Every structure is written in structure tokens, then in C-alpha cells.
């Protein structure tokens, strides 16, 4: 069996280390979490701010911590704080009354919430729920006009008028004029020379 090197687990953070970590991050939150702004705030400035946080933690730590250790610990602290704040919020909204069963946030957790923002816990005010089922207005069905008298128009006939609405009949591909009458009012025939259909 090959001898594999097993990484030893790091020493737990003490309460003084955690307080130093949160205080140092709170003091430099603009540099650590703010938007990079060209020459005034670059990745170089962000890296130097993390180095200052590491120095502040190592000043009170019994062991030497690396930047990787500090970033991981802060990420874990944020996650646990958000979970605890969400559990507390859910418990206060329960029906049935009574006292909240969850423990409230301590001072360090309240500091973390203050500089990471309540939006990560409560959501954006006035935001849109992307998982909400939306009712989309379905298009109105096309109204099929009633069958009209079908007439065939050729380019030489005089009866085609551009101002008169013509509809494509559903039975054939000839045009039908809804404004025309099927019979002559004078002689009551369909082929009357007096009125053109």
C-alpha cells in the first residue's frame, strides 16, 4: 500500500481570532468587496487589503494563518451567518405565536450582516421572483370572417377598388367583397349590367 500524505487539519479559530478577522474585514470592506475602479481600486489594492487582514488575525492567533485560510474561514462565517439569520427570520414568521425558538444573532454575526448587506438574506426590495409562475396573455384567436360572395377579379375588370376591403375566402383563393350585394336591387339577378358586383 502506497504511503499517501494526508494533510493535517488546521487548528480551530479562537474567538479572539474571529473578532479580529471580522473587525479587520469590516475596516477594509470597501477594498475587499467594492467594485474595481481602474487605477484607484485595482486587484493589487484588494490583495494588499487581504494581507492586512491576515496580519491583524496573526497578531492575535496562536498559529500562523495564510490568506487562503482567512478567506475560507470568512466564507464559512458568511454562510453560517446567513443560514442562522434565515432560520431566525423563518421562526418569527411562524403561525401560532409564542417565542422565537431560534437564537438571535450575536454581535459578531450582526457586524457580518451589516457589511455584506441584508439583500443576501431578505432579497432585493421590489425585486422579481424569477421562479414565480407567470401568466402570459395568450394571443387572441383570429376571427374568421363569415363567408362572403366570391368573385373572381382579373386585372382588366373595373370592379376592383383599392379602398374597398377584400378578404381571402377560405373556400378558394379568389377575393370576396363584403360590401357588395349578391343581387341587383332593380332586377333581382346576379348578372345585372347596371350594378357591378
C-alpha atoms as a PDB file:
ATOM      1  CA  UNK A   1       0.000   0.000   0.000  1.00  0.00           C
ATOM      2  CA  UNK A   2       1.415   3.362  -1.025  1.00  0.00           C
ATOM      3  CA  UNK A   3       2.102   5.867   1.696  1.00  0.00           C
ATOM      4  CA  UNK A   4      -0.112   8.862   0.877  1.00  0.00           C
ATOM      5  CA  UNK A   5       0.490  12.170   2.536  1.00  0.00           C
ATOM      6  CA  UNK A   6      -2.555  13.248   4.487  1.00  0.00           C
ATOM      7  CA  UNK A   7      -2.963  16.929   5.127  1.00  0.00           C
ATOM      8  CA  UNK A   8      -3.253  17.666   8.801  1.00  0.00           C
ATOM      9  CA  UNK A   9      -6.349  19.527   9.861  1.00  0.00           C
ATOM     10  CA  UNK A  10      -5.695  23.140  10.831  1.00  0.00           C
ATOM     11  CA  UNK A  11      -6.231  24.399  14.336  1.00  0.00           C
ATOM     12  CA  UNK A  12      -9.659  25.870  15.038  1.00  0.00           C
ATOM     13  CA  UNK A  13     -10.014  29.642  15.074  1.00  0.00           C
ATOM     14  CA  UNK A  14     -10.295  31.129  18.538  1.00  0.00           C
ATOM     15  CA  UNK A  15     -12.933  33.682  19.478  1.00  0.00           C
ATOM     16  CA  UNK A  16     -10.307  36.467  19.542  1.00  0.00           C
ATOM     17  CA  UNK A  17      -9.147  35.459  16.047  1.00  0.00           C
ATOM     18  CA  UNK A  18     -12.714  35.567  14.752  1.00  0.00           C
ATOM     19  CA  UNK A  19     -13.310  39.007  16.283  1.00  0.00           C
ATOM     20  CA  UNK A  20     -10.031  40.278  14.825  1.00  0.00           C
ATOM     21  CA  UNK A  21     -10.980  38.789  11.449  1.00  0.00           C
ATOM     22  CA  UNK A  22     -14.414  40.435  11.366  1.00  0.00           C
ATOM     23  CA  UNK A  23     -13.087  43.802  12.609  1.00  0.00           C
ATOM     24  CA  UNK A  24     -10.258  43.827  10.041  1.00  0.00           C
ATOM     25  CA  UNK A  25     -12.614  42.901   7.196  1.00  0.00           C
ATOM     26  CA  UNK A  26     -15.174  45.476   8.306  1.00  0.00           C
ATOM     27  CA  UNK A  27     -12.490  48.192   8.267  1.00  0.00           C
ATOM     28  CA  UNK A  28     -11.423  47.226   4.728  1.00  0.00           C
ATOM     29  CA  UNK A  29     -14.766  46.129   3.239  1.00  0.00           C
ATOM     30  CA  UNK A  30     -14.658  48.831   0.549  1.00  0.00           C
ATOM     31  CA  UNK A  31     -11.382  47.446  -0.779  1.00  0.00           C
ATOM     32  CA  UNK A  32     -12.283  43.782  -0.311  1.00  0.00           C
ATOM     33  CA  UNK A  33     -15.804  43.767  -1.730  1.00  0.00           C
ATOM     34  CA  UNK A  34     -16.214  47.022  -3.669  1.00  0.00           C
ATOM     35  CA  UNK A  35     -16.153  47.237  -7.428  1.00  0.00           C
ATOM     36  CA  UNK A  36     -12.728  47.607  -9.002  1.00  0.00           C
ATOM     37  CA  UNK A  37     -12.420  51.194 -10.265  1.00  0.00           C
ATOM     38  CA  UNK A  38      -9.499  51.494 -12.616  1.00  0.00           C
ATOM     39  CA  UNK A  39      -6.323  52.967 -11.080  1.00  0.00           C
ATOM     40  CA  UNK A  40      -7.980  53.959  -7.767  1.00  0.00           C
ATOM     41  CA  UNK A  41      -9.003  50.425  -6.789  1.00  0.00           C
ATOM     42  CA  UNK A  42      -7.324  47.512  -8.527  1.00  0.00           C
ATOM     43  CA  UNK A  43      -6.714  43.858  -7.733  1.00  0.00           C
ATOM     44  CA  UNK A  44      -3.366  44.942  -6.281  1.00  0.00           C
ATOM     45  CA  UNK A  45      -5.210  47.044  -3.670  1.00  0.00           C
ATOM     46  CA  UNK A  46      -7.565  44.164  -2.926  1.00  0.00           C
ATOM     47  CA  UNK A  47      -4.667  41.741  -2.397  1.00  0.00           C
ATOM     48  CA  UNK A  48      -2.929  44.233  -0.076  1.00  0.00           C
ATOM     49  CA  UNK A  49      -6.159  44.601   1.937  1.00  0.00           C
ATOM     50  CA  UNK A  50      -6.343  40.813   2.403  1.00  0.00           C
ATOM     51  CA  UNK A  51      -2.697  40.841   3.541  1.00  0.00           C
ATOM     52  CA  UNK A  52      -3.584  43.451   6.175  1.00  0.00           C
ATOM     53  CA  UNK A  53      -6.474  41.251   7.373  1.00  0.00           C
ATOM     54  CA  UNK A  54      -4.073  38.295   7.657  1.00  0.00           C
ATOM     55  CA  UNK A  55      -1.639  40.440   9.657  1.00  0.00           C
ATOM     56  CA  UNK A  56      -4.415  41.533  12.026  1.00  0.00           C
ATOM     57  CA  UNK A  57      -5.516  37.934  12.619  1.00  0.00           C
ATOM     58  CA  UNK A  58      -1.972  36.600  13.001  1.00  0.00           C
ATOM     59  CA  UNK A  59      -1.269  39.285  15.612  1.00  0.00           C
ATOM     60  CA  UNK A  60      -3.686  37.530  18.000  1.00  0.00           C
ATOM     61  CA  UNK A  61      -3.506  33.958  16.657  1.00  0.00           C
ATOM     62  CA  UNK A  62      -1.647  31.153  18.384  1.00  0.00           C
ATOM     63  CA  UNK A  63      -0.737  29.724  14.938  1.00  0.00           C
ATOM     64  CA  UNK A  64       0.163  31.394  11.640  1.00  0.00           C
ATOM     65  CA  UNK A  65      -2.782  31.718   9.255  1.00  0.00           C
ATOM     66  CA  UNK A  66      -2.485  32.097   5.482  1.00  0.00           C
ATOM     67  CA  UNK A  67      -4.581  34.252   3.185  1.00  0.00           C
ATOM     68  CA  UNK A  68      -6.259  31.097   1.890  1.00  0.00           C
ATOM     69  CA  UNK A  69      -7.182  30.073   5.465  1.00  0.00           C
ATOM     70  CA  UNK A  70      -8.571  33.526   6.235  1.00  0.00           C
ATOM     71  CA  UNK A  71     -10.661  33.720   3.034  1.00  0.00           C
ATOM     72  CA  UNK A  72     -12.089  30.235   3.599  1.00  0.00           C
ATOM     73  CA  UNK A  73     -12.939  30.991   7.228  1.00  0.00           C
ATOM     74  CA  UNK A  74     -14.682  34.227   6.265  1.00  0.00           C
ATOM     75  CA  UNK A  75     -16.648  32.463   3.526  1.00  0.00           C
ATOM     76  CA  UNK A  76     -17.765  29.842   6.071  1.00  0.00           C
ATOM     77  CA  UNK A  77     -18.681  32.573   8.587  1.00  0.00           C
ATOM     78  CA  UNK A  78     -20.822  34.358   5.980  1.00  0.00           C
ATOM     79  CA  UNK A  79     -22.599  31.132   5.045  1.00  0.00           C
ATOM     80  CA  UNK A  80     -23.357  30.195   8.653  1.00  0.00           C
ATOM     81  CA  UNK A  81     -24.488  33.721   9.486  1.00  0.00           C
ATOM     82  CA  UNK A  82     -26.880  33.811   6.524  1.00  0.00           C
ATOM     83  CA  UNK A  83     -28.290  30.413   7.491  1.00  0.00           C
ATOM     84  CA  UNK A  84     -28.774  31.495  11.094  1.00  0.00           C
ATOM     85  CA  UNK A  85     -30.401  34.799  10.079  1.00  0.00           C
ATOM     86  CA  UNK A  86     -32.750  32.985   7.676  1.00  0.00           C
ATOM     87  CA  UNK A  87     -33.701  30.432  10.348  1.00  0.00           C
ATOM     88  CA  UNK A  88     -34.400  33.245  12.820  1.00  0.00           C
ATOM     89  CA  UNK A  89     -36.496  35.108  10.250  1.00  0.00           C
ATOM     90  CA  UNK A  90     -38.492  31.961   9.370  1.00  0.00           C
ATOM     91  CA  UNK A  91     -39.120  31.249  13.029  1.00  0.00           C
ATOM     92  CA  UNK A  92     -40.506  34.740  13.643  1.00  0.00           C
ATOM     93  CA  UNK A  93     -42.992  34.324  10.787  1.00  0.00           C
ATOM     94  CA  UNK A  94     -44.393  31.019  12.054  1.00  0.00           C
ATOM     95  CA  UNK A  95     -48.060  30.911  12.847  1.00  0.00           C
ATOM     96  CA  UNK A  96     -49.254  30.089  16.311  1.00  0.00           C
ATOM     97  CA  UNK A  97     -47.449  32.855  18.168  1.00  0.00           C
ATOM     98  CA  UNK A  98     -45.128  32.192  21.032  1.00  0.00           C
ATOM     99  CA  UNK A  99     -41.480  32.985  21.426  1.00  0.00           C
ATOM    100  CA  UNK A 100     -38.910  32.614  18.705  1.00  0.00           C
ATOM    101  CA  UNK A 101     -37.138  29.283  19.225  1.00  0.00           C
ATOM    102  CA  UNK A 102     -34.036  30.279  17.270  1.00  0.00           C
ATOM    103  CA  UNK A 103     -31.158  32.071  18.937  1.00  0.00           C
ATOM    104  CA  UNK A 104     -30.726  35.667  17.772  1.00  0.00           C
ATOM    105  CA  UNK A 105     -27.572  36.832  16.017  1.00  0.00           C
ATOM    106  CA  UNK A 106     -24.652  37.695  18.269  1.00  0.00           C
ATOM    107  CA  UNK A 107     -22.608  40.892  17.932  1.00  0.00           C
ATOM    108  CA  UNK A 108     -20.079  39.407  15.516  1.00  0.00           C
ATOM    109  CA  UNK A 109     -22.814  37.995  13.260  1.00  0.00           C
ATOM    110  CA  UNK A 110     -24.628  41.336  13.260  1.00  0.00           C
ATOM    111  CA  UNK A 111     -21.384  43.000  12.119  1.00  0.00           C
ATOM    112  CA  UNK A 112     -21.071  40.488   9.294  1.00  0.00           C
ATOM    113  CA  UNK A 113     -24.655  41.181   8.184  1.00  0.00           C
ATOM    114  CA  UNK A 114     -24.013  44.940   8.332  1.00  0.00           C
ATOM    115  CA  UNK A 115     -21.258  44.882   5.729  1.00  0.00           C
ATOM    116  CA  UNK A 116     -22.400  42.011   3.494  1.00  0.00           C
ATOM    117  CA  UNK A 117     -25.856  43.572   3.251  1.00  0.00           C
ATOM    118  CA  UNK A 118     -29.319  42.384   4.171  1.00  0.00           C
ATOM    119  CA  UNK A 119     -30.156  41.775   0.490  1.00  0.00           C
ATOM    120  CA  UNK A 120     -28.344  38.445   0.683  1.00  0.00           C
ATOM    121  CA  UNK A 121     -30.804  37.379   3.398  1.00  0.00           C
ATOM    122  CA  UNK A 122     -34.042  39.219   2.681  1.00  0.00           C
ATOM    123  CA  UNK A 123     -33.723  39.597  -1.067  1.00  0.00           C
ATOM    124  CA  UNK A 124     -33.913  42.766  -3.124  1.00  0.00           C
ATOM    125  CA  UNK A 125     -36.809  45.026  -2.196  1.00  0.00           C
ATOM    126  CA  UNK A 126     -39.219  45.258  -5.098  1.00  0.00           C
ATOM    127  CA  UNK A 127     -37.355  42.521  -6.920  1.00  0.00           C
ATOM    128  CA  UNK A 128     -38.888  39.956  -9.219  1.00  0.00           C
ATOM    129  CA  UNK A 129     -39.184  36.328  -8.251  1.00  0.00           C
ATOM    130  CA  UNK A 130     -37.667  34.510 -11.205  1.00  0.00           C
ATOM    131  CA  UNK A 131     -39.294  31.224 -10.213  1.00  0.00           C
ATOM    132  CA  UNK A 132     -42.767  32.722  -9.976  1.00  0.00           C
ATOM    133  CA  UNK A 133     -45.177  31.225 -12.460  1.00  0.00           C
ATOM    134  CA  UNK A 134     -46.282  33.956 -14.831  1.00  0.00           C
ATOM    135  CA  UNK A 135     -49.489  34.019 -16.786  1.00  0.00           C
ATOM    136  CA  UNK A 136     -48.708  35.083 -20.291  1.00  0.00           C
ATOM    137  CA  UNK A 137     -51.566  36.548 -22.247  1.00  0.00           C
ATOM    138  CA  UNK A 138     -52.349  34.146 -24.982  1.00  0.00           C
ATOM    139  CA  UNK A 139     -52.877  35.728 -28.379  1.00  0.00           C
ATOM    140  CA  UNK A 140     -56.476  36.311 -29.256  1.00  0.00           C
ATOM    141  CA  UNK A 141     -57.716  33.834 -31.819  1.00  0.00           C
ATOM    142  CA  UNK A 142     -58.090  35.136 -35.321  1.00  0.00           C
ATOM    143  CA  UNK A 143     -61.665  35.888 -36.174  1.00  0.00           C
ATOM    144  CA  UNK A 144     -62.605  34.226 -39.426  1.00  0.00           C
ATOM    145  CA  UNK A 145     -64.988  36.446 -41.383  1.00  0.00           C
ATOM    146  CA  UNK A 146     -68.287  34.919 -42.425  1.00  0.00           C
ATOM    147  CA  UNK A 147     -68.331  33.511 -45.942  1.00  0.00           C
ATOM    148  CA  UNK A 148     -68.939  36.227 -48.464  1.00  0.00           C
ATOM    149  CA  UNK A 149     -69.945  36.100 -52.079  1.00  0.00           C
ATOM    150  CA  UNK A 150     -66.918  35.057 -54.006  1.00  0.00           C
ATOM    151  CA  UNK A 151     -65.964  36.965 -57.073  1.00  0.00           C
ATOM    152  CA  UNK A 152     -63.035  36.475 -59.347  1.00  0.00           C
ATOM    153  CA  UNK A 153     -61.235  39.620 -60.311  1.00  0.00           C
ATOM    154  CA  UNK A 154     -58.928  39.943 -63.208  1.00  0.00           C
ATOM    155  CA  UNK A 155     -56.600  42.894 -63.742  1.00  0.00           C
ATOM    156  CA  UNK A 156     -58.785  44.168 -66.566  1.00  0.00           C
ATOM    157  CA  UNK A 157     -62.031  44.397 -64.596  1.00  0.00           C
ATOM    158  CA  UNK A 158     -63.107  47.805 -63.350  1.00  0.00           C
ATOM    159  CA  UNK A 159     -64.745  46.490 -60.176  1.00  0.00           C
ATOM    160  CA  UNK A 160     -61.535  46.225 -58.140  1.00  0.00           C
ATOM    161  CA  UNK A 161     -61.304  49.234 -55.835  1.00  0.00           C
ATOM    162  CA  UNK A 162     -58.297  49.711 -53.592  1.00  0.00           C
ATOM    163  CA  UNK A 163     -60.399  51.416 -50.897  1.00  0.00           C
ATOM    164  CA  UNK A 164     -62.820  48.506 -50.584  1.00  0.00           C
ATOM    165  CA  UNK A 165     -61.730  45.790 -48.162  1.00  0.00           C
ATOM    166  CA  UNK A 166     -61.335  42.422 -49.848  1.00  0.00           C
ATOM    167  CA  UNK A 167     -60.963  39.186 -47.921  1.00  0.00           C
ATOM    168  CA  UNK A 168     -59.387  35.981 -48.965  1.00  0.00           C
ATOM    169  CA  UNK A 169     -62.114  33.391 -48.921  1.00  0.00           C
ATOM    170  CA  UNK A 170     -61.486  30.173 -47.056  1.00  0.00           C
ATOM    171  CA  UNK A 171     -63.085  28.054 -49.808  1.00  0.00           C
ATOM    172  CA  UNK A 172     -60.998  29.291 -52.712  1.00  0.00           C
ATOM    173  CA  UNK A 173     -58.274  31.740 -53.471  1.00  0.00           C
ATOM    174  CA  UNK A 174     -60.494  34.321 -55.096  1.00  0.00           C
ATOM    175  CA  UNK A 175     -61.325  37.613 -53.450  1.00  0.00           C
ATOM    176  CA  UNK A 176     -64.692  38.324 -51.840  1.00  0.00           C
ATOM    177  CA  UNK A 177     -66.014  41.842 -51.296  1.00  0.00           C
ATOM    178  CA  UNK A 178     -68.125  42.129 -48.110  1.00  0.00           C
ATOM    179  CA  UNK A 179     -69.585  45.469 -49.155  1.00  0.00           C
ATOM    180  CA  UNK A 180     -71.126  44.160 -52.376  1.00  0.00           C
ATOM    181  CA  UNK A 181     -74.603  42.669 -52.574  1.00  0.00           C
ATOM    182  CA  UNK A 182     -75.177  39.344 -54.345  1.00  0.00           C
ATOM    183  CA  UNK A 183     -78.156  40.552 -56.373  1.00  0.00           C
ATOM    184  CA  UNK A 184     -79.125  43.642 -58.246  1.00  0.00           C
ATOM    185  CA  UNK A 185     -81.776  45.603 -56.350  1.00  0.00           C
ATOM    186  CA  UNK A 186     -83.530  46.598 -59.576  1.00  0.00           C
ATOM    187  CA  UNK A 187     -83.935  43.368 -61.472  1.00  0.00           C
ATOM    188  CA  UNK A 188     -83.053  40.849 -58.741  1.00  0.00           C
ATOM    189  CA  UNK A 189     -80.478  38.987 -60.832  1.00  0.00           C
ATOM    190  CA  UNK A 190     -76.890  38.293 -60.162  1.00  0.00           C
ATOM    191  CA  UNK A 191     -75.575  39.255 -63.631  1.00  0.00           C
ATOM    192  CA  UNK A 192     -77.137  42.696 -63.935  1.00  0.00           C
ATOM    193  CA  UNK A 193     -75.170  45.140 -66.131  1.00  0.00           C
ATOM    194  CA  UNK A 194     -76.459  48.091 -64.045  1.00  0.00           C
ATOM    195  CA  UNK A 195     -74.609  47.130 -60.874  1.00  0.00           C
ATOM    196  CA  UNK A 196     -71.219  45.545 -60.841  1.00  0.00           C
ATOM    197  CA  UNK A 197     -70.565  43.124 -58.105  1.00  0.00           C
END
